[in-house]
Amino acid sequence: MFPGEGNDEVHKYIPGEVADADIDKPWTMFFDGSSYGTVGGAGVVFETPQGEMLSYSLKLEFQSSNNVAEYEALILGLRVAKELNLGSVEFKGDSRLVTNQVNGDFHVKEPHLASYRAEAQRLMNQTGSTLDHTGRSGNKQQMPWKPWRAKYN
């Protein structure tokens, strides 16, 4: 008998593996970024079609605005989704500015945000994903932690 063959339940799920995507229900990703003084961070939480949660976060090693941190979080999530080959993902964030800029509803007035929008749009087109605004309360339930902020508050 070869590994993975058999009737035991162990081979069905190995920690660190991503389950096959359910075609009828896409993955959902919630993103949030934050800037506090000279530090910032970005976090994403993926919800699988089966309701499981996968989270990623990073500390920004450069001074950033809240808008830059939000874009960093979105781009982090898009890159992770692309790397995991998740296909079309429903992205949700509480930044109305980022959501509307990426969707083309708002113009980018700050030149330093133009490259962020272009990268987010490029990645969204590659994955066929969608981006919607969600209220802070909807995002807060998915992001109960902000590890990069706890250390500095």
C-alpha atoms as a PDB file:
ATOM      1  CA  MET A   1       0.000   0.000   0.000  1.00  0.00           C
ATOM      2  CA  PHE A   2       1.292   3.489  -0.865  1.00  0.00           C
ATOM      3  CA  PRO A   3       1.207   6.500   1.488  1.00  0.00           C
ATOM      4  CA  GLY A   4      -2.111   8.277   1.216  1.00  0.00           C
ATOM      5  CA  GLU A   5      -3.954   5.136   0.207  1.00  0.00           C
ATOM      6  CA  GLY A   6      -6.147   3.540   2.761  1.00  0.00           C
ATOM      7  CA  ASN A   7      -9.262   4.189   4.681  1.00  0.00           C
ATOM      8  CA  ASP A   8      -7.838   6.249   7.517  1.00  0.00           C
ATOM      9  CA  GLU A   9      -8.828   9.893   7.909  1.00  0.00           C
ATOM     10  CA  VAL A  10      -5.272  11.189   8.391  1.00  0.00           C
ATOM     11  CA  HIS A  11      -4.416  11.438   4.692  1.00  0.00           C
ATOM     12  CA  LYS A  12      -7.472  13.591   3.908  1.00  0.00           C
ATOM     13  CA  TYR A  13      -6.060  16.706   5.554  1.00  0.00           C
ATOM     14  CA  ILE A  14      -2.466  17.644   6.232  1.00  0.00           C
ATOM     15  CA  PRO A  15      -1.843  20.922   8.120  1.00  0.00           C
ATOM     16  CA  GLY A  16      -0.503  23.565   5.776  1.00  0.00           C
ATOM     17  CA  GLU A  17      -2.307  22.247   2.723  1.00  0.00           C
ATOM     18  CA  VAL A  18      -5.105  24.229   1.145  1.00  0.00           C
ATOM     19  CA  ALA A  19      -8.291  22.298   0.431  1.00  0.00           C
ATOM     20  CA  ASP A  20      -9.585  22.174  -3.129  1.00  0.00           C
ATOM     21  CA  ALA A  21     -11.757  25.171  -3.903  1.00  0.00           C
ATOM     22  CA  ASP A  22     -15.509  24.670  -4.044  1.00  0.00           C
ATOM     23  CA  ILE A  23     -16.527  25.851  -7.514  1.00  0.00           C
ATOM     24  CA  ASP A  24     -19.947  27.059  -6.349  1.00  0.00           C
ATOM     25  CA  LYS A  25     -18.644  29.266  -3.547  1.00  0.00           C
ATOM     26  CA  PRO A  26     -15.507  31.355  -3.908  1.00  0.00           C
ATOM     27  CA  TRP A  27     -12.997  32.061  -1.200  1.00  0.00           C
ATOM     28  CA  THR A  28     -13.443  35.352   0.658  1.00  0.00           C
ATOM     29  CA  MET A  29     -10.573  37.490   1.890  1.00  0.00           C
ATOM     30  CA  PHE A  30     -10.838  40.310   4.403  1.00  0.00           C
ATOM     31  CA  PHE A  31      -7.986  42.808   4.514  1.00  0.00           C
ATOM     32  CA  ASP A  32      -7.013  45.601   6.850  1.00  0.00           C
ATOM     33  CA  GLY A  33      -4.055  47.900   7.193  1.00  0.00           C
ATOM     34  CA  SER A  34      -3.082  50.257   9.947  1.00  0.00           C
ATOM     35  CA  SER A  35      -0.494  52.922  10.591  1.00  0.00           C
ATOM     36  CA  TYR A  36       0.462  54.129  14.038  1.00  0.00           C
ATOM     37  CA  GLY A  37       3.234  56.679  14.405  1.00  0.00           C
ATOM     38  CA  THR A  38       6.290  55.289  12.651  1.00  0.00           C
ATOM     39  CA  VAL A  39       5.049  51.702  12.312  1.00  0.00           C
ATOM     40  CA  GLY A  40       2.370  50.048  10.266  1.00  0.00           C
ATOM     41  CA  GLY A  41       1.033  46.664   9.481  1.00  0.00           C
ATOM     42  CA  ALA A  42      -1.156  44.725   7.126  1.00  0.00           C
ATOM     43  CA  GLY A  43      -3.320  41.716   7.754  1.00  0.00           C
ATOM     44  CA  VAL A  44      -5.503  39.408   5.722  1.00  0.00           C
ATOM     45  CA  VAL A  45      -7.891  36.639   6.673  1.00  0.00           C
ATOM     46  CA  PHE A  46      -9.015  34.123   4.072  1.00  0.00           C
ATOM     47  CA  GLU A  47     -12.286  32.308   4.579  1.00  0.00           C
ATOM     48  CA  THR A  48     -12.453  29.018   2.704  1.00  0.00           C
ATOM     49  CA  PRO A  49     -15.684  27.860   1.065  1.00  0.00           C
ATOM     50  CA  GLN A  50     -15.956  25.415   3.993  1.00  0.00           C
ATOM     51  CA  GLY A  51     -15.755  28.285   6.548  1.00  0.00           C
ATOM     52  CA  GLU A  52     -12.183  27.710   7.750  1.00  0.00           C
ATOM     53  CA  MET A  53      -9.983  30.760   8.407  1.00  0.00           C
ATOM     54  CA  LEU A  54      -6.378  31.317   7.297  1.00  0.00           C
ATOM     55  CA  SER A  55      -4.618  34.482   8.419  1.00  0.00           C
ATOM     56  CA  TYR A  56      -1.466  36.308   7.373  1.00  0.00           C
ATOM     57  CA  SER A  57       0.049  39.512   8.695  1.00  0.00           C
ATOM     58  CA  LEU A  58       3.131  41.596   8.207  1.00  0.00           C
ATOM     59  CA  LYS A  59       4.777  44.559   9.832  1.00  0.00           C
ATOM     60  CA  LEU A  60       5.631  47.394   7.474  1.00  0.00           C
ATOM     61  CA  GLU A  61       9.275  48.330   7.884  1.00  0.00           C
ATOM     62  CA  PHE A  62       8.741  51.854   6.592  1.00  0.00           C
ATOM     63  CA  GLN A  63       6.684  54.848   7.636  1.00  0.00           C
ATOM     64  CA  SER A  64       3.318  54.712   5.925  1.00  0.00           C
ATOM     65  CA  SER A  65      -0.095  56.316   5.916  1.00  0.00           C
ATOM     66  CA  ASN A  66      -3.233  54.333   6.686  1.00  0.00           C
ATOM     67  CA  ASN A  67      -4.063  54.308   2.964  1.00  0.00           C
ATOM     68  CA  VAL A  68      -0.667  52.820   2.086  1.00  0.00           C
ATOM     69  CA  ALA A  69      -1.126  50.193   4.814  1.00  0.00           C
ATOM     70  CA  GLU A  70      -4.563  49.314   3.405  1.00  0.00           C
ATOM     71  CA  TYR A  71      -3.108  48.922  -0.100  1.00  0.00           C
ATOM     72  CA  GLU A  72      -0.255  46.803   1.288  1.00  0.00           C
ATOM     73  CA  ALA A  73      -2.811  44.515   2.955  1.00  0.00           C
ATOM     74  CA  LEU A  74      -4.850  44.169  -0.241  1.00  0.00           C
ATOM     75  CA  ILE A  75      -1.771  43.446  -2.354  1.00  0.00           C
ATOM     76  CA  LEU A  76      -0.515  40.929   0.228  1.00  0.00           C
ATOM     77  CA  GLY A  77      -3.832  39.096  -0.015  1.00  0.00           C
ATOM     78  CA  LEU A  78      -3.852  39.197  -3.812  1.00  0.00           C
ATOM     79  CA  ARG A  79      -0.335  37.762  -3.960  1.00  0.00           C
ATOM     80  CA  VAL A  80      -1.165  35.006  -1.478  1.00  0.00           C
ATOM     81  CA  ALA A  81      -4.338  34.144  -3.429  1.00  0.00           C
ATOM     82  CA  LYS A  82      -2.340  34.000  -6.653  1.00  0.00           C
ATOM     83  CA  GLU A  83       0.412  31.884  -5.062  1.00  0.00           C
ATOM     84  CA  LEU A  84      -2.164  29.446  -3.666  1.00  0.00           C
ATOM     85  CA  ASN A  85      -3.912  29.393  -7.048  1.00  0.00           C
ATOM     86  CA  LEU A  86      -7.312  30.133  -5.487  1.00  0.00           C
ATOM     87  CA  GLY A  87      -8.826  31.568  -8.658  1.00  0.00           C
ATOM     88  CA  SER A  88     -11.509  34.198  -8.232  1.00  0.00           C
ATOM     89  CA  VAL A  89     -11.648  35.504  -4.656  1.00  0.00           C
ATOM     90  CA  GLU A  90     -14.117  37.965  -3.115  1.00  0.00           C
ATOM     91  CA  PHE A  91     -11.943  40.617  -1.460  1.00  0.00           C
ATOM     92  CA  LYS A  92     -13.500  42.771   1.252  1.00  0.00           C
ATOM     93  CA  GLY A  93     -12.009  45.744   3.027  1.00  0.00           C
ATOM     94  CA  ASP A  94     -13.191  48.621   5.156  1.00  0.00           C
ATOM     95  CA  SER A  95     -11.268  51.322   3.266  1.00  0.00           C
ATOM     96  CA  ARG A  96     -13.757  53.072   1.024  1.00  0.00           C
ATOM     97  CA  LEU A  97     -10.927  55.027  -0.617  1.00  0.00           C
ATOM     98  CA  VAL A  98      -8.900  51.940  -1.604  1.00  0.00           C
ATOM     99  CA  THR A  99     -11.967  49.996  -2.713  1.00  0.00           C
ATOM    100  CA  ASN A 100     -13.267  52.826  -4.877  1.00  0.00           C
ATOM    101  CA  GLN A 101      -9.850  53.649  -6.354  1.00  0.00           C
ATOM    102  CA  VAL A 102      -9.140  50.049  -7.338  1.00  0.00           C
ATOM    103  CA  ASN A 103     -12.640  49.634  -8.782  1.00  0.00           C
ATOM    104  CA  GLY A 104     -12.192  52.854 -10.808  1.00  0.00           C
ATOM    105  CA  ASP A 105     -14.921  54.826  -9.026  1.00  0.00           C
ATOM    106  CA  PHE A 106     -12.443  57.348  -7.502  1.00  0.00           C
ATOM    107  CA  HIS A 107      -9.467  59.018  -9.134  1.00  0.00           C
ATOM    108  CA  VAL A 108      -6.102  58.693  -7.425  1.00  0.00           C
ATOM    109  CA  LYS A 109      -5.148  62.178  -6.245  1.00  0.00           C
ATOM    110  CA  GLU A 110      -2.000  61.232  -4.323  1.00  0.00           C
ATOM    111  CA  PRO A 111       0.756  60.287  -6.807  1.00  0.00           C
ATOM    112  CA  HIS A 112       2.355  57.784  -4.398  1.00  0.00           C
ATOM    113  CA  LEU A 113      -0.865  55.706  -4.386  1.00  0.00           C
ATOM    114  CA  ALA A 114      -1.025  55.350  -8.192  1.00  0.00           C
ATOM    115  CA  SER A 115       1.493  52.490  -8.286  1.00  0.00           C
ATOM    116  CA  TYR A 116      -0.383  50.678  -5.501  1.00  0.00           C
ATOM    117  CA  ARG A 117      -3.653  50.944  -7.418  1.00  0.00           C
ATOM    118  CA  ALA A 118      -2.003  49.749 -10.629  1.00  0.00           C
ATOM    119  CA  GLU A 119      -0.501  46.700  -8.896  1.00  0.00           C
ATOM    120  CA  ALA A 120      -3.798  45.847  -7.165  1.00  0.00           C
ATOM    121  CA  GLN A 121      -5.717  46.154 -10.450  1.00  0.00           C
ATOM    122  CA  ARG A 122      -3.136  44.026 -12.282  1.00  0.00           C
ATOM    123  CA  LEU A 123      -3.360  41.249  -9.693  1.00  0.00           C
ATOM    124  CA  MET A 124      -7.150  41.412  -9.564  1.00  0.00           C
ATOM    125  CA  ASN A 125      -7.338  41.052 -13.341  1.00  0.00           C
ATOM    126  CA  GLN A 126      -4.973  38.066 -13.254  1.00  0.00           C
ATOM    127  CA  THR A 127      -7.083  36.246 -10.663  1.00  0.00           C
ATOM    128  CA  GLY A 128     -10.527  37.388 -11.827  1.00  0.00           C
ATOM    129  CA  SER A 129     -11.271  38.530  -8.273  1.00  0.00           C
ATOM    130  CA  THR A 130     -13.753  41.134  -7.067  1.00  0.00           C
ATOM    131  CA  LEU A 131     -13.352  43.880  -4.481  1.00  0.00           C
ATOM    132  CA  ASP A 132     -16.170  45.158  -2.286  1.00  0.00           C
ATOM    133  CA  HIS A 133     -16.363  47.578   0.588  1.00  0.00           C
ATOM    134  CA  THR A 134     -17.470  46.229   3.934  1.00  0.00           C
ATOM    135  CA  GLY A 135     -18.156  48.300   7.022  1.00  0.00           C
ATOM    136  CA  ARG A 136     -15.613  48.346   9.821  1.00  0.00           C
ATOM    137  CA  SER A 137     -17.848  46.133  11.919  1.00  0.00           C
ATOM    138  CA  GLY A 138     -17.918  43.465   9.186  1.00  0.00           C
ATOM    139  CA  ASN A 139     -14.148  43.598   8.873  1.00  0.00           C
ATOM    140  CA  LYS A 140     -13.532  43.811  12.615  1.00  0.00           C
ATOM    141  CA  GLN A 141     -15.284  40.483  13.190  1.00  0.00           C
ATOM    142  CA  GLN A 142     -12.824  38.855  10.777  1.00  0.00           C
ATOM    143  CA  MET A 143      -9.808  40.789  12.123  1.00  0.00           C
ATOM    144  CA  PRO A 144     -10.053  40.571  15.919  1.00  0.00           C
ATOM    145  CA  TRP A 145      -6.281  41.031  16.175  1.00  0.00           C
ATOM    146  CA  LYS A 146      -3.773  43.482  14.903  1.00  0.00           C
ATOM    147  CA  PRO A 147      -0.486  42.010  16.127  1.00  0.00           C
ATOM    148  CA  TRP A 148       1.610  44.815  14.693  1.00  0.00           C
ATOM    149  CA  ARG A 149      -0.323  47.402  16.727  1.00  0.00           C
ATOM    150  CA  ALA A 150      -0.492  45.596  20.063  1.00  0.00           C
ATOM    151  CA  LYS A 151       3.270  45.851  20.471  1.00  0.00           C
ATOM    152  CA  TYR A 152       3.320  49.625  19.969  1.00  0.00           C
ATOM    153  CA  ASN A 153       0.154  50.845  21.714  1.00  0.00           C
END
